[in-house]
């Protein structure tokens, strides 16, 4: 399974949010959504946040961790203020 996701900020536009099933979603959810919600076994997720000057902290929130676990992701690598870190789900 390969999925690509980005933070979606459609919710900031009230008219546009009426035309989407998910008015605001995190990148982790968007990546799973892009695969058609296919479950996997022992997948690894990679999450990165980049600003104009450097990579920033982007550890998945508790809801995203639970969602990734539900779809079979076992490990997540993510950028942090100190480089790259990981968590097992």
C-alpha atoms as a PDB file:
ATOM      1  CA  UNK A   1       0.000   0.000   0.000  1.00  0.00           C
ATOM      2  CA  UNK A   2       1.363   3.381  -0.954  1.00  0.00           C
ATOM      3  CA  UNK A   3      -0.567   6.467  -0.026  1.00  0.00           C
ATOM      4  CA  UNK A   4       0.250  10.140  -0.029  1.00  0.00           C
ATOM      5  CA  UNK A   5      -1.501  12.610   2.220  1.00  0.00           C
ATOM      6  CA  UNK A   6      -1.399  16.228   3.218  1.00  0.00           C
ATOM      7  CA  UNK A   7      -3.094  18.207   5.948  1.00  0.00           C
ATOM      8  CA  UNK A   8      -6.348  19.388   4.463  1.00  0.00           C
ATOM      9  CA  UNK A   9      -7.671  22.766   5.532  1.00  0.00           C
ATOM     10  CA  UNK A  10     -10.903  22.833   3.570  1.00  0.00           C
ATOM     11  CA  UNK A  11     -12.746  23.655   6.802  1.00  0.00           C
ATOM     12  CA  UNK A  12     -11.528  27.249   6.570  1.00  0.00           C
ATOM     13  CA  UNK A  13     -13.912  27.826   3.673  1.00  0.00           C
ATOM     14  CA  UNK A  14     -17.487  27.196   4.790  1.00  0.00           C
ATOM     15  CA  UNK A  15     -18.898  26.785   1.261  1.00  0.00           C
ATOM     16  CA  UNK A  16     -16.194  24.329   0.136  1.00  0.00           C
ATOM     17  CA  UNK A  17     -16.542  22.216   3.294  1.00  0.00           C
ATOM     18  CA  UNK A  18     -20.146  21.388   2.317  1.00  0.00           C
ATOM     19  CA  UNK A  19     -18.857  19.539  -0.756  1.00  0.00           C
ATOM     20  CA  UNK A  20     -16.445  17.147   0.985  1.00  0.00           C
ATOM     21  CA  UNK A  21     -17.073  14.131   3.196  1.00  0.00           C
ATOM     22  CA  UNK A  22     -14.126  15.048   5.436  1.00  0.00           C
ATOM     23  CA  UNK A  23     -14.116  18.821   6.038  1.00  0.00           C
ATOM     24  CA  UNK A  24     -10.778  18.674   7.898  1.00  0.00           C
ATOM     25  CA  UNK A  25      -8.329  15.791   7.898  1.00  0.00           C
ATOM     26  CA  UNK A  26      -4.770  15.157   8.976  1.00  0.00           C
ATOM     27  CA  UNK A  27      -2.177  13.903   6.501  1.00  0.00           C
ATOM     28  CA  UNK A  28      -2.187  10.397   8.022  1.00  0.00           C
ATOM     29  CA  UNK A  29      -5.909  10.011   7.396  1.00  0.00           C
ATOM     30  CA  UNK A  30      -5.544  11.499   3.912  1.00  0.00           C
ATOM     31  CA  UNK A  31      -2.829   8.950   3.055  1.00  0.00           C
ATOM     32  CA  UNK A  32      -5.030   6.010   4.105  1.00  0.00           C
ATOM     33  CA  UNK A  33      -7.982   7.587   2.277  1.00  0.00           C
ATOM     34  CA  UNK A  34      -5.889   7.818  -0.920  1.00  0.00           C
ATOM     35  CA  UNK A  35      -5.463   4.016  -0.875  1.00  0.00           C
ATOM     36  CA  UNK A  36      -9.229   3.460  -0.793  1.00  0.00           C
ATOM     37  CA  UNK A  37      -9.037   2.570   2.926  1.00  0.00           C
ATOM     38  CA  UNK A  38      -7.227  -0.710   2.215  1.00  0.00           C
ATOM     39  CA  UNK A  39      -6.010  -2.548   5.287  1.00  0.00           C
ATOM     40  CA  UNK A  40      -2.461  -3.839   5.357  1.00  0.00           C
ATOM     41  CA  UNK A  41      -0.259  -6.003   7.542  1.00  0.00           C
ATOM     42  CA  UNK A  42       2.842  -4.641   9.229  1.00  0.00           C
ATOM     43  CA  UNK A  43       3.045  -1.451   7.174  1.00  0.00           C
ATOM     44  CA  UNK A  44       5.350   1.433   8.047  1.00  0.00           C
ATOM     45  CA  UNK A  45       4.283   5.068   7.731  1.00  0.00           C
ATOM     46  CA  UNK A  46       6.607   8.002   7.112  1.00  0.00           C
ATOM     47  CA  UNK A  47       5.412  11.463   8.118  1.00  0.00           C
ATOM     48  CA  UNK A  48       7.325  14.703   7.533  1.00  0.00           C
ATOM     49  CA  UNK A  49       6.607  18.380   8.046  1.00  0.00           C
ATOM     50  CA  UNK A  50       8.828  20.890   6.350  1.00  0.00           C
ATOM     51  CA  UNK A  51       8.962  24.636   6.797  1.00  0.00           C
ATOM     52  CA  UNK A  52      11.038  27.049   4.776  1.00  0.00           C
ATOM     53  CA  UNK A  53      13.982  26.642   7.132  1.00  0.00           C
ATOM     54  CA  UNK A  54      13.894  23.081   8.476  1.00  0.00           C
ATOM     55  CA  UNK A  55      11.912  19.944   9.271  1.00  0.00           C
ATOM     56  CA  UNK A  56       9.565  20.278  12.237  1.00  0.00           C
ATOM     57  CA  UNK A  57       7.871  18.029  14.787  1.00  0.00           C
ATOM     58  CA  UNK A  58       5.033  16.031  13.282  1.00  0.00           C
ATOM     59  CA  UNK A  59       4.413  13.098  15.589  1.00  0.00           C
ATOM     60  CA  UNK A  60       0.947  11.736  14.753  1.00  0.00           C
ATOM     61  CA  UNK A  61      -1.738  12.738  17.239  1.00  0.00           C
ATOM     62  CA  UNK A  62      -3.434  10.036  19.339  1.00  0.00           C
ATOM     63  CA  UNK A  63      -6.410   9.859  16.948  1.00  0.00           C
ATOM     64  CA  UNK A  64      -4.139   9.404  13.931  1.00  0.00           C
ATOM     65  CA  UNK A  65      -2.122   6.750  15.776  1.00  0.00           C
ATOM     66  CA  UNK A  66      -5.311   4.793  16.493  1.00  0.00           C
ATOM     67  CA  UNK A  67      -6.464   5.215  12.884  1.00  0.00           C
ATOM     68  CA  UNK A  68      -3.113   4.029  11.474  1.00  0.00           C
ATOM     69  CA  UNK A  69      -3.142   1.041  13.839  1.00  0.00           C
ATOM     70  CA  UNK A  70      -6.664   0.134  12.670  1.00  0.00           C
ATOM     71  CA  UNK A  71      -5.397  -0.071   9.083  1.00  0.00           C
ATOM     72  CA  UNK A  72      -2.398  -2.240   9.912  1.00  0.00           C
ATOM     73  CA  UNK A  73       0.416   0.258  10.343  1.00  0.00           C
ATOM     74  CA  UNK A  74       2.868  -1.083  12.911  1.00  0.00           C
ATOM     75  CA  UNK A  75       5.555   1.615  12.932  1.00  0.00           C
ATOM     76  CA  UNK A  76       5.679   5.335  12.176  1.00  0.00           C
ATOM     77  CA  UNK A  77       8.800   7.333  11.400  1.00  0.00           C
ATOM     78  CA  UNK A  78       8.330  11.094  11.723  1.00  0.00           C
ATOM     79  CA  UNK A  79      10.369  14.261  11.662  1.00  0.00           C
ATOM     80  CA  UNK A  80      11.008  15.902  14.997  1.00  0.00           C
ATOM     81  CA  UNK A  81      12.799  19.005  16.164  1.00  0.00           C
ATOM     82  CA  UNK A  82      15.881  16.808  16.687  1.00  0.00           C
ATOM     83  CA  UNK A  83      15.813  14.904  13.396  1.00  0.00           C
ATOM     84  CA  UNK A  84      13.896  11.676  12.870  1.00  0.00           C
ATOM     85  CA  UNK A  85      12.095   9.657  15.523  1.00  0.00           C
ATOM     86  CA  UNK A  86       9.751   6.660  15.503  1.00  0.00           C
ATOM     87  CA  UNK A  87       6.945   5.000  17.433  1.00  0.00           C
ATOM     88  CA  UNK A  88       5.570   1.467  17.351  1.00  0.00           C
ATOM     89  CA  UNK A  89       1.806   1.165  17.237  1.00  0.00           C
END
